[in-house]
Amino acid sequence: MRRTLFFVLLCTALAKTQVFAQSPYSFSEPELFSHCGGFLEAPAFDDEGNLWLLDIPADRILKVTPDGNCAVIGSSDSIPNGLQFNSDGEIILAGSRGILAYDPLQNESKVLLDAYEGMPINSANDLVFDSSGGLYFTVTEDSDAFTLTGKVFYLPPGEDAASLVLSGVAFPNGISITPDGASVIISEFASKRLISIPSQIALSSGARTTRIVLAYTSGGIGPDGMTHDESGRLYVANLGSRGVQVFDPLGRLLTELQLPEEAGILTSNVVIKQNYLYITEGEKGDIWRARINDQ
């Protein structure tokens, strides 16, 4: 029965991939949207269309208005690396103090989670919410290509203790959830690969999907932040390449968006808003954007 179900799911995925192969797909020429300065990361839009992001080394929390005006809102008293909005519109940060809730009106941050089984979480990197309000987040620790100590955790909605969902990772960096909610994709920065694991929602429904290497990136230093579009394409900021690589749901490279030569090379993260792909860059501190033409 399980083999039959796996075959059906595989055939469905292959059929979807054929549609991708036949569909016209391109980007407009990238344009400079805003300059904030600093090592920019963690872009996320609020309900009013403002783009929030971080300048990591300076601990600056930034907001860019729809017309491209960048302003410093505050700081988190930490080294923040990831930023997302929860379902209530609250800003949740991942960084050197663990997982924090940030109040921009008071410029105050509150620790939500800073330990796992008594051990401190002091290198949280990126985070993403699932449809139930549960939170996945990556923790790099001292991992690299030969020190496999990175981890991925899941904090269930309404809980104050996280569970370990993946360990032995070579610098887990960006994280995203497929549109159907079935899989969580992690960018393993130090090995230049994208890992796919079953989501907690899928597991609770009886799925037993195998953890796999979905794809490898090429060029640059390694895959950083990433996001999915509604069709299931995965957009991966390839740090050190001045580019973003785009993969289909089966992990096949569709295209690569290159920023202009005058852009910095440290493309760090991406987010999609109204058919535009927004790209943060950490060398010159700019935000670029390009229109996705088939959406």
Protein backbone atom coordinates (compact mmCIF):
# COMPACT_ATOMS: atom_id res chain seq x y z
CA MET A 1 0.00 0.00 0.00
CA ARG A 2 2.77 2.41 0.92
CA ARG A 3 4.62 1.62 -2.32
CA THR A 4 1.44 2.23 -4.30
CA LEU A 5 0.86 5.57 -2.55
CA PHE A 6 4.46 6.60 -3.15
CA PHE A 7 4.13 5.73 -6.87
CA VAL A 8 0.93 7.78 -7.17
CA LEU A 9 2.54 10.78 -5.47
CA LEU A 10 5.63 10.47 -7.66
CA CYS A 11 3.56 10.34 -10.85
CA THR A 12 1.59 13.39 -9.72
CA ALA A 13 4.79 15.31 -9.06
CA LEU A 14 6.20 14.29 -12.43
CA ALA A 15 3.05 15.47 -14.18
CA LYS A 16 3.29 18.83 -12.45
CA THR A 17 6.93 19.08 -13.49
CA GLN A 18 5.95 18.58 -17.15
CA VAL A 19 3.67 21.60 -16.82
CA PHE A 20 6.60 23.63 -15.48
CA ALA A 21 8.77 22.53 -18.41
CA GLN A 22 6.17 23.70 -20.94
CA SER A 23 5.23 26.99 -19.24
CA PRO A 24 6.97 30.24 -20.22
CA TYR A 25 8.94 31.50 -17.26
CA SER A 26 11.28 34.46 -16.91
CA PHE A 27 12.14 37.51 -14.83
CA SER A 28 12.16 41.15 -15.72
CA GLU A 29 15.48 42.97 -15.44
CA PRO A 30 16.31 43.40 -11.74
CA GLU A 31 15.87 46.92 -10.42
CA LEU A 32 17.20 48.56 -7.27
CA PHE A 33 14.28 48.94 -4.87
CA SER A 34 15.94 50.43 -1.78
CA HIS A 35 19.28 51.04 -0.09
CA CYS A 36 19.53 50.50 3.66
CA GLY A 37 23.23 49.72 4.10
CA GLY A 38 24.65 46.93 6.21
CA PHE A 39 24.42 43.16 5.85
CA LEU A 40 20.74 42.80 4.99
CA GLU A 41 18.74 39.65 5.70
CA ALA A 42 15.33 38.24 6.66
CA PRO A 43 12.85 40.18 4.46
CA ALA A 44 9.16 39.86 5.40
CA PHE A 45 6.13 41.95 4.45
CA ASP A 46 3.52 43.20 6.89
CA ASP A 47 -0.18 43.56 6.05
CA GLU A 48 0.31 47.18 4.99
CA GLY A 49 2.89 46.33 2.36
CA ASN A 50 5.94 47.46 4.32
CA LEU A 51 9.05 45.33 4.00
CA TRP A 52 10.76 44.51 7.32
CA LEU A 53 14.29 43.18 7.43
CA LEU A 54 17.47 43.02 9.49
CA ASP A 55 20.98 44.41 9.36
CA ILE A 56 22.60 41.50 11.20
CA PRO A 57 25.96 42.77 12.53
CA ALA A 58 24.59 46.17 13.57
CA ASP A 59 21.44 44.68 15.17
CA ARG A 60 19.24 47.07 13.24
CA ILE A 61 15.58 46.25 12.62
CA LEU A 62 14.56 48.05 9.44
CA LYS A 63 11.32 48.91 7.66
CA VAL A 64 11.03 49.84 3.99
CA THR A 65 7.84 51.54 2.85
CA PRO A 66 6.17 50.59 -0.47
CA ASP A 67 7.89 53.55 -2.14
CA GLY A 68 11.34 52.29 -1.08
CA ASN A 69 12.08 54.54 1.90
CA CYS A 70 14.23 52.66 4.44
CA ALA A 71 14.19 53.56 8.14
CA VAL A 72 15.68 52.10 11.32
CA ILE A 73 12.92 51.01 13.71
CA GLY A 74 14.96 49.62 16.59
CA SER A 75 17.14 46.77 17.80
CA SER A 76 16.71 43.41 19.49
CA ASP A 77 19.64 43.46 21.94
CA SER A 78 21.01 40.38 20.19
CA ILE A 79 22.49 39.29 16.88
CA PRO A 80 19.29 38.69 14.91
CA ASN A 81 19.32 36.62 11.74
CA GLY A 82 15.71 35.63 10.95
CA LEU A 83 12.43 37.60 10.99
CA GLN A 84 8.86 36.49 10.35
CA PHE A 85 5.35 37.63 11.24
CA ASN A 86 3.10 35.20 13.10
CA SER A 87 -0.63 34.92 12.43
CA ASP A 88 -1.33 37.74 14.91
CA GLY A 89 0.99 40.10 13.09
CA GLU A 90 3.72 39.96 15.75
CA ILE A 91 7.36 40.11 14.72
CA ILE A 92 9.25 36.96 15.69
CA LEU A 93 13.04 36.93 15.52
CA ALA A 94 15.67 34.19 15.46
CA GLY A 95 19.16 35.00 16.67
CA SER A 96 21.84 34.78 19.33
CA ARG A 97 19.30 34.85 22.18
CA GLY A 98 17.08 32.16 20.66
CA ILE A 99 13.53 32.95 19.51
CA LEU A 100 12.24 36.41 20.41
CA ALA A 101 9.05 38.42 20.07
CA TYR A 102 9.77 42.03 19.10
CA ASP A 103 7.50 45.00 19.84
CA PRO A 104 8.34 47.85 17.43
CA LEU A 105 6.23 50.38 19.33
CA GLN A 106 8.19 49.89 22.53
CA ASN A 107 11.43 48.77 20.83
CA GLU A 108 11.51 45.81 23.20
CA SER A 109 12.12 42.12 22.66
CA LYS A 110 10.93 39.22 24.80
CA VAL A 111 12.47 35.76 24.85
CA LEU A 112 10.03 33.06 23.76
CA LEU A 113 12.46 30.15 23.67
CA ASP A 114 16.16 30.07 24.54
CA ALA A 115 16.92 26.46 25.44
CA TYR A 116 16.34 22.86 24.43
CA GLU A 117 16.55 20.20 27.14
CA GLY A 118 18.59 22.55 29.31
CA MET A 119 21.04 23.51 26.57
CA PRO A 120 21.05 27.14 25.39
CA ILE A 121 19.89 28.06 21.89
CA ASN A 122 22.32 30.81 21.01
CA SER A 123 22.65 30.54 17.23
CA ALA A 124 19.13 30.43 15.80
CA ASN A 125 19.36 31.34 12.13
CA ASP A 126 16.06 31.33 10.23
CA LEU A 127 12.42 30.50 10.89
CA VAL A 128 9.10 29.79 9.20
CA PHE A 129 5.54 29.26 10.43
CA ASP A 130 3.30 26.44 9.22
CA SER A 131 -0.44 26.71 8.61
CA SER A 132 -1.24 25.69 12.20
CA GLY A 133 0.97 28.38 13.72
CA GLY A 134 3.79 25.97 14.56
CA LEU A 135 7.31 27.32 14.15
CA TYR A 136 10.29 25.66 12.47
CA PHE A 137 13.71 27.19 13.04
CA THR A 138 17.31 26.36 12.17
CA VAL A 139 20.21 26.44 14.64
CA THR A 140 23.73 26.53 13.22
CA GLU A 141 25.77 26.02 16.43
CA ASP A 142 29.46 25.60 15.43
CA SER A 143 28.69 23.52 12.35
CA ASP A 144 30.51 23.60 9.05
CA ALA A 145 31.18 21.16 6.20
CA PHE A 146 33.07 18.82 8.54
CA THR A 147 31.39 19.58 11.88
CA LEU A 148 27.84 18.28 11.59
CA THR A 149 26.26 19.82 14.68
CA GLY A 150 23.53 21.95 13.09
CA LYS A 151 19.91 21.29 14.03
CA VAL A 152 16.32 22.03 13.03
CA PHE A 153 13.59 22.40 15.67
CA TYR A 154 9.81 22.63 15.72
CA LEU A 155 7.83 24.61 18.29
CA PRO A 156 4.19 23.45 18.23
CA PRO A 157 1.49 26.14 18.47
CA GLY A 158 0.74 27.14 22.05
CA GLU A 159 3.71 25.19 23.44
CA ASP A 160 6.81 26.46 25.22
CA ALA A 161 9.12 23.51 24.45
CA ALA A 162 10.54 22.67 21.05
CA SER A 163 11.14 19.25 19.53
CA LEU A 164 14.21 18.27 17.52
CA VAL A 165 13.27 17.29 13.96
CA LEU A 166 16.69 17.12 12.28
CA SER A 167 20.28 16.94 13.51
CA GLY A 168 23.74 16.36 12.06
CA VAL A 169 23.41 19.22 9.57
CA ALA A 170 26.29 21.18 8.02
CA PHE A 171 25.22 24.74 8.88
CA PRO A 172 21.41 24.75 8.43
CA ASN A 173 20.49 28.15 7.09
CA GLY A 174 17.28 29.10 5.25
CA ILE A 175 14.01 27.23 5.71
CA SER A 176 10.72 27.12 3.79
CA ILE A 177 7.55 25.00 3.64
CA THR A 178 6.06 23.67 0.41
CA PRO A 179 2.67 25.18 -0.51
CA ASP A 180 0.84 21.93 0.29
CA GLY A 181 2.39 21.94 3.76
CA ALA A 182 3.77 18.43 3.35
CA SER A 183 7.51 19.11 3.28
CA VAL A 184 10.01 21.41 4.96
CA ILE A 185 13.03 22.45 2.90
CA ILE A 186 16.28 23.40 4.63
CA SER A 187 19.29 24.98 2.95
CA GLU A 188 22.42 23.20 4.19
CA PHE A 189 24.78 26.08 3.60
CA ALA A 190 28.14 24.37 4.16
CA SER A 191 27.41 21.46 1.79
CA LYS A 192 25.59 23.45 -0.92
CA ARG A 193 22.51 21.25 -0.81
CA LEU A 194 18.78 21.53 -0.14
CA ILE A 195 17.27 18.97 2.23
CA SER A 196 13.59 17.98 2.25
CA ILE A 197 11.98 16.46 5.36
CA PRO A 198 8.34 15.59 6.07
CA SER A 199 6.46 18.28 7.96
CA GLN A 200 5.02 17.66 11.39
CA ILE A 201 1.52 18.18 9.95
CA ALA A 202 2.18 15.48 7.33
CA LEU A 203 3.58 13.10 9.94
CA SER A 204 0.57 13.62 12.20
CA SER A 205 -1.63 12.59 9.25
CA GLY A 206 0.19 9.30 8.86
CA ALA A 207 2.73 10.22 6.19
CA ARG A 208 6.13 8.57 6.39
CA THR A 209 8.04 10.40 3.72
CA THR A 210 11.78 9.76 3.59
CA ARG A 211 14.18 12.61 4.28
CA ILE A 212 15.99 13.36 1.03
CA VAL A 213 18.50 15.67 -0.63
CA LEU A 214 16.24 17.62 -2.96
CA ALA A 215 18.91 19.48 -4.92
CA TYR A 216 22.41 20.93 -4.94
CA THR A 217 23.26 24.54 -5.61
CA SER A 218 26.24 25.54 -7.73
CA GLY A 219 28.63 28.46 -7.57
CA GLY A 220 28.81 30.97 -4.77
CA ILE A 221 29.47 30.06 -1.14
CA GLY A 222 26.23 28.29 -0.34
CA PRO A 223 22.41 28.47 -0.24
CA ASP A 224 21.03 31.02 2.19
CA GLY A 225 17.43 32.23 2.62
CA MET A 226 14.67 30.92 0.38
CA THR A 227 10.95 30.91 -0.31
CA HIS A 228 8.31 29.07 -2.35
CA ASP A 229 5.79 30.56 -4.72
CA GLU A 230 2.20 29.28 -4.91
CA SER A 231 3.13 26.88 -7.71
CA GLY A 232 5.77 25.15 -5.62
CA ARG A 233 8.87 26.65 -7.22
CA LEU A 234 11.68 27.21 -4.76
CA TYR A 235 13.72 30.44 -4.91
CA VAL A 236 17.11 30.16 -3.22
CA ALA A 237 19.45 33.08 -2.51
CA ASN A 238 22.91 31.79 -3.43
CA LEU A 239 25.29 33.74 -1.21
CA GLY A 240 28.45 34.83 -2.98
CA SER A 241 27.06 34.38 -6.49
CA ARG A 242 25.12 37.63 -6.99
CA GLY A 243 22.20 35.37 -7.90
CA VAL A 244 19.06 33.46 -7.02
CA GLN A 245 18.58 29.87 -8.20
CA VAL A 246 15.05 28.60 -8.91
CA PHE A 247 14.09 24.92 -8.62
CA ASP A 248 10.95 23.00 -9.54
CA PRO A 249 9.18 20.80 -6.93
CA LEU A 250 11.37 17.83 -7.89
CA GLY A 251 14.56 19.79 -7.28
CA ARG A 252 15.46 20.46 -10.92
CA LEU A 253 17.09 23.80 -11.66
CA LEU A 254 14.76 25.95 -13.76
CA THR A 255 16.73 29.17 -14.04
CA GLU A 256 19.06 31.51 -12.23
CA LEU A 257 18.42 35.21 -11.78
CA GLN A 258 21.61 37.26 -11.82
CA LEU A 259 21.77 40.76 -10.37
CA PRO A 260 23.60 43.45 -12.36
CA GLU A 261 27.38 43.76 -12.10
CA GLU A 262 27.04 46.86 -9.93
CA ALA A 263 25.18 44.85 -7.28
CA GLY A 264 26.97 43.22 -4.37
CA ILE A 265 27.60 39.47 -4.53
CA LEU A 266 26.16 38.51 -1.13
CA THR A 267 22.56 37.68 -2.10
CA SER A 268 21.23 36.58 1.29
CA ASN A 269 17.46 36.09 1.17
CA VAL A 270 14.29 36.43 -0.89
CA VAL A 271 10.58 37.11 -0.48
CA ILE A 272 7.71 37.33 -2.98
CA LYS A 273 5.08 40.08 -3.02
CA GLN A 274 2.58 40.82 -5.81
CA ASN A 275 4.50 38.87 -8.48
CA TYR A 276 7.81 40.50 -7.56
CA LEU A 277 10.80 38.68 -6.14
CA TYR A 278 12.59 40.88 -3.59
CA ILE A 279 16.25 40.08 -2.91
CA THR A 280 18.34 41.26 0.04
CA GLU A 281 22.08 41.71 -0.43
CA GLY A 282 24.75 41.91 2.28
CA GLU A 283 27.80 43.46 0.64
CA LYS A 284 26.36 46.84 -0.37
CA GLY A 285 23.20 46.74 1.73
CA ASP A 286 20.70 46.96 -1.11
CA ILE A 287 17.30 45.45 -1.85
CA TRP A 288 16.68 44.45 -5.45
CA ARG A 289 13.52 43.21 -7.10
CA ALA A 290 12.48 41.55 -10.34
CA ARG A 291 9.04 40.73 -11.69
CA ILE A 292 8.13 37.05 -12.12
CA ASN A 293 6.60 37.15 -15.57
CA ASP A 294 4.37 34.07 -15.61
CA GLN A 295 2.39 34.85 -12.44
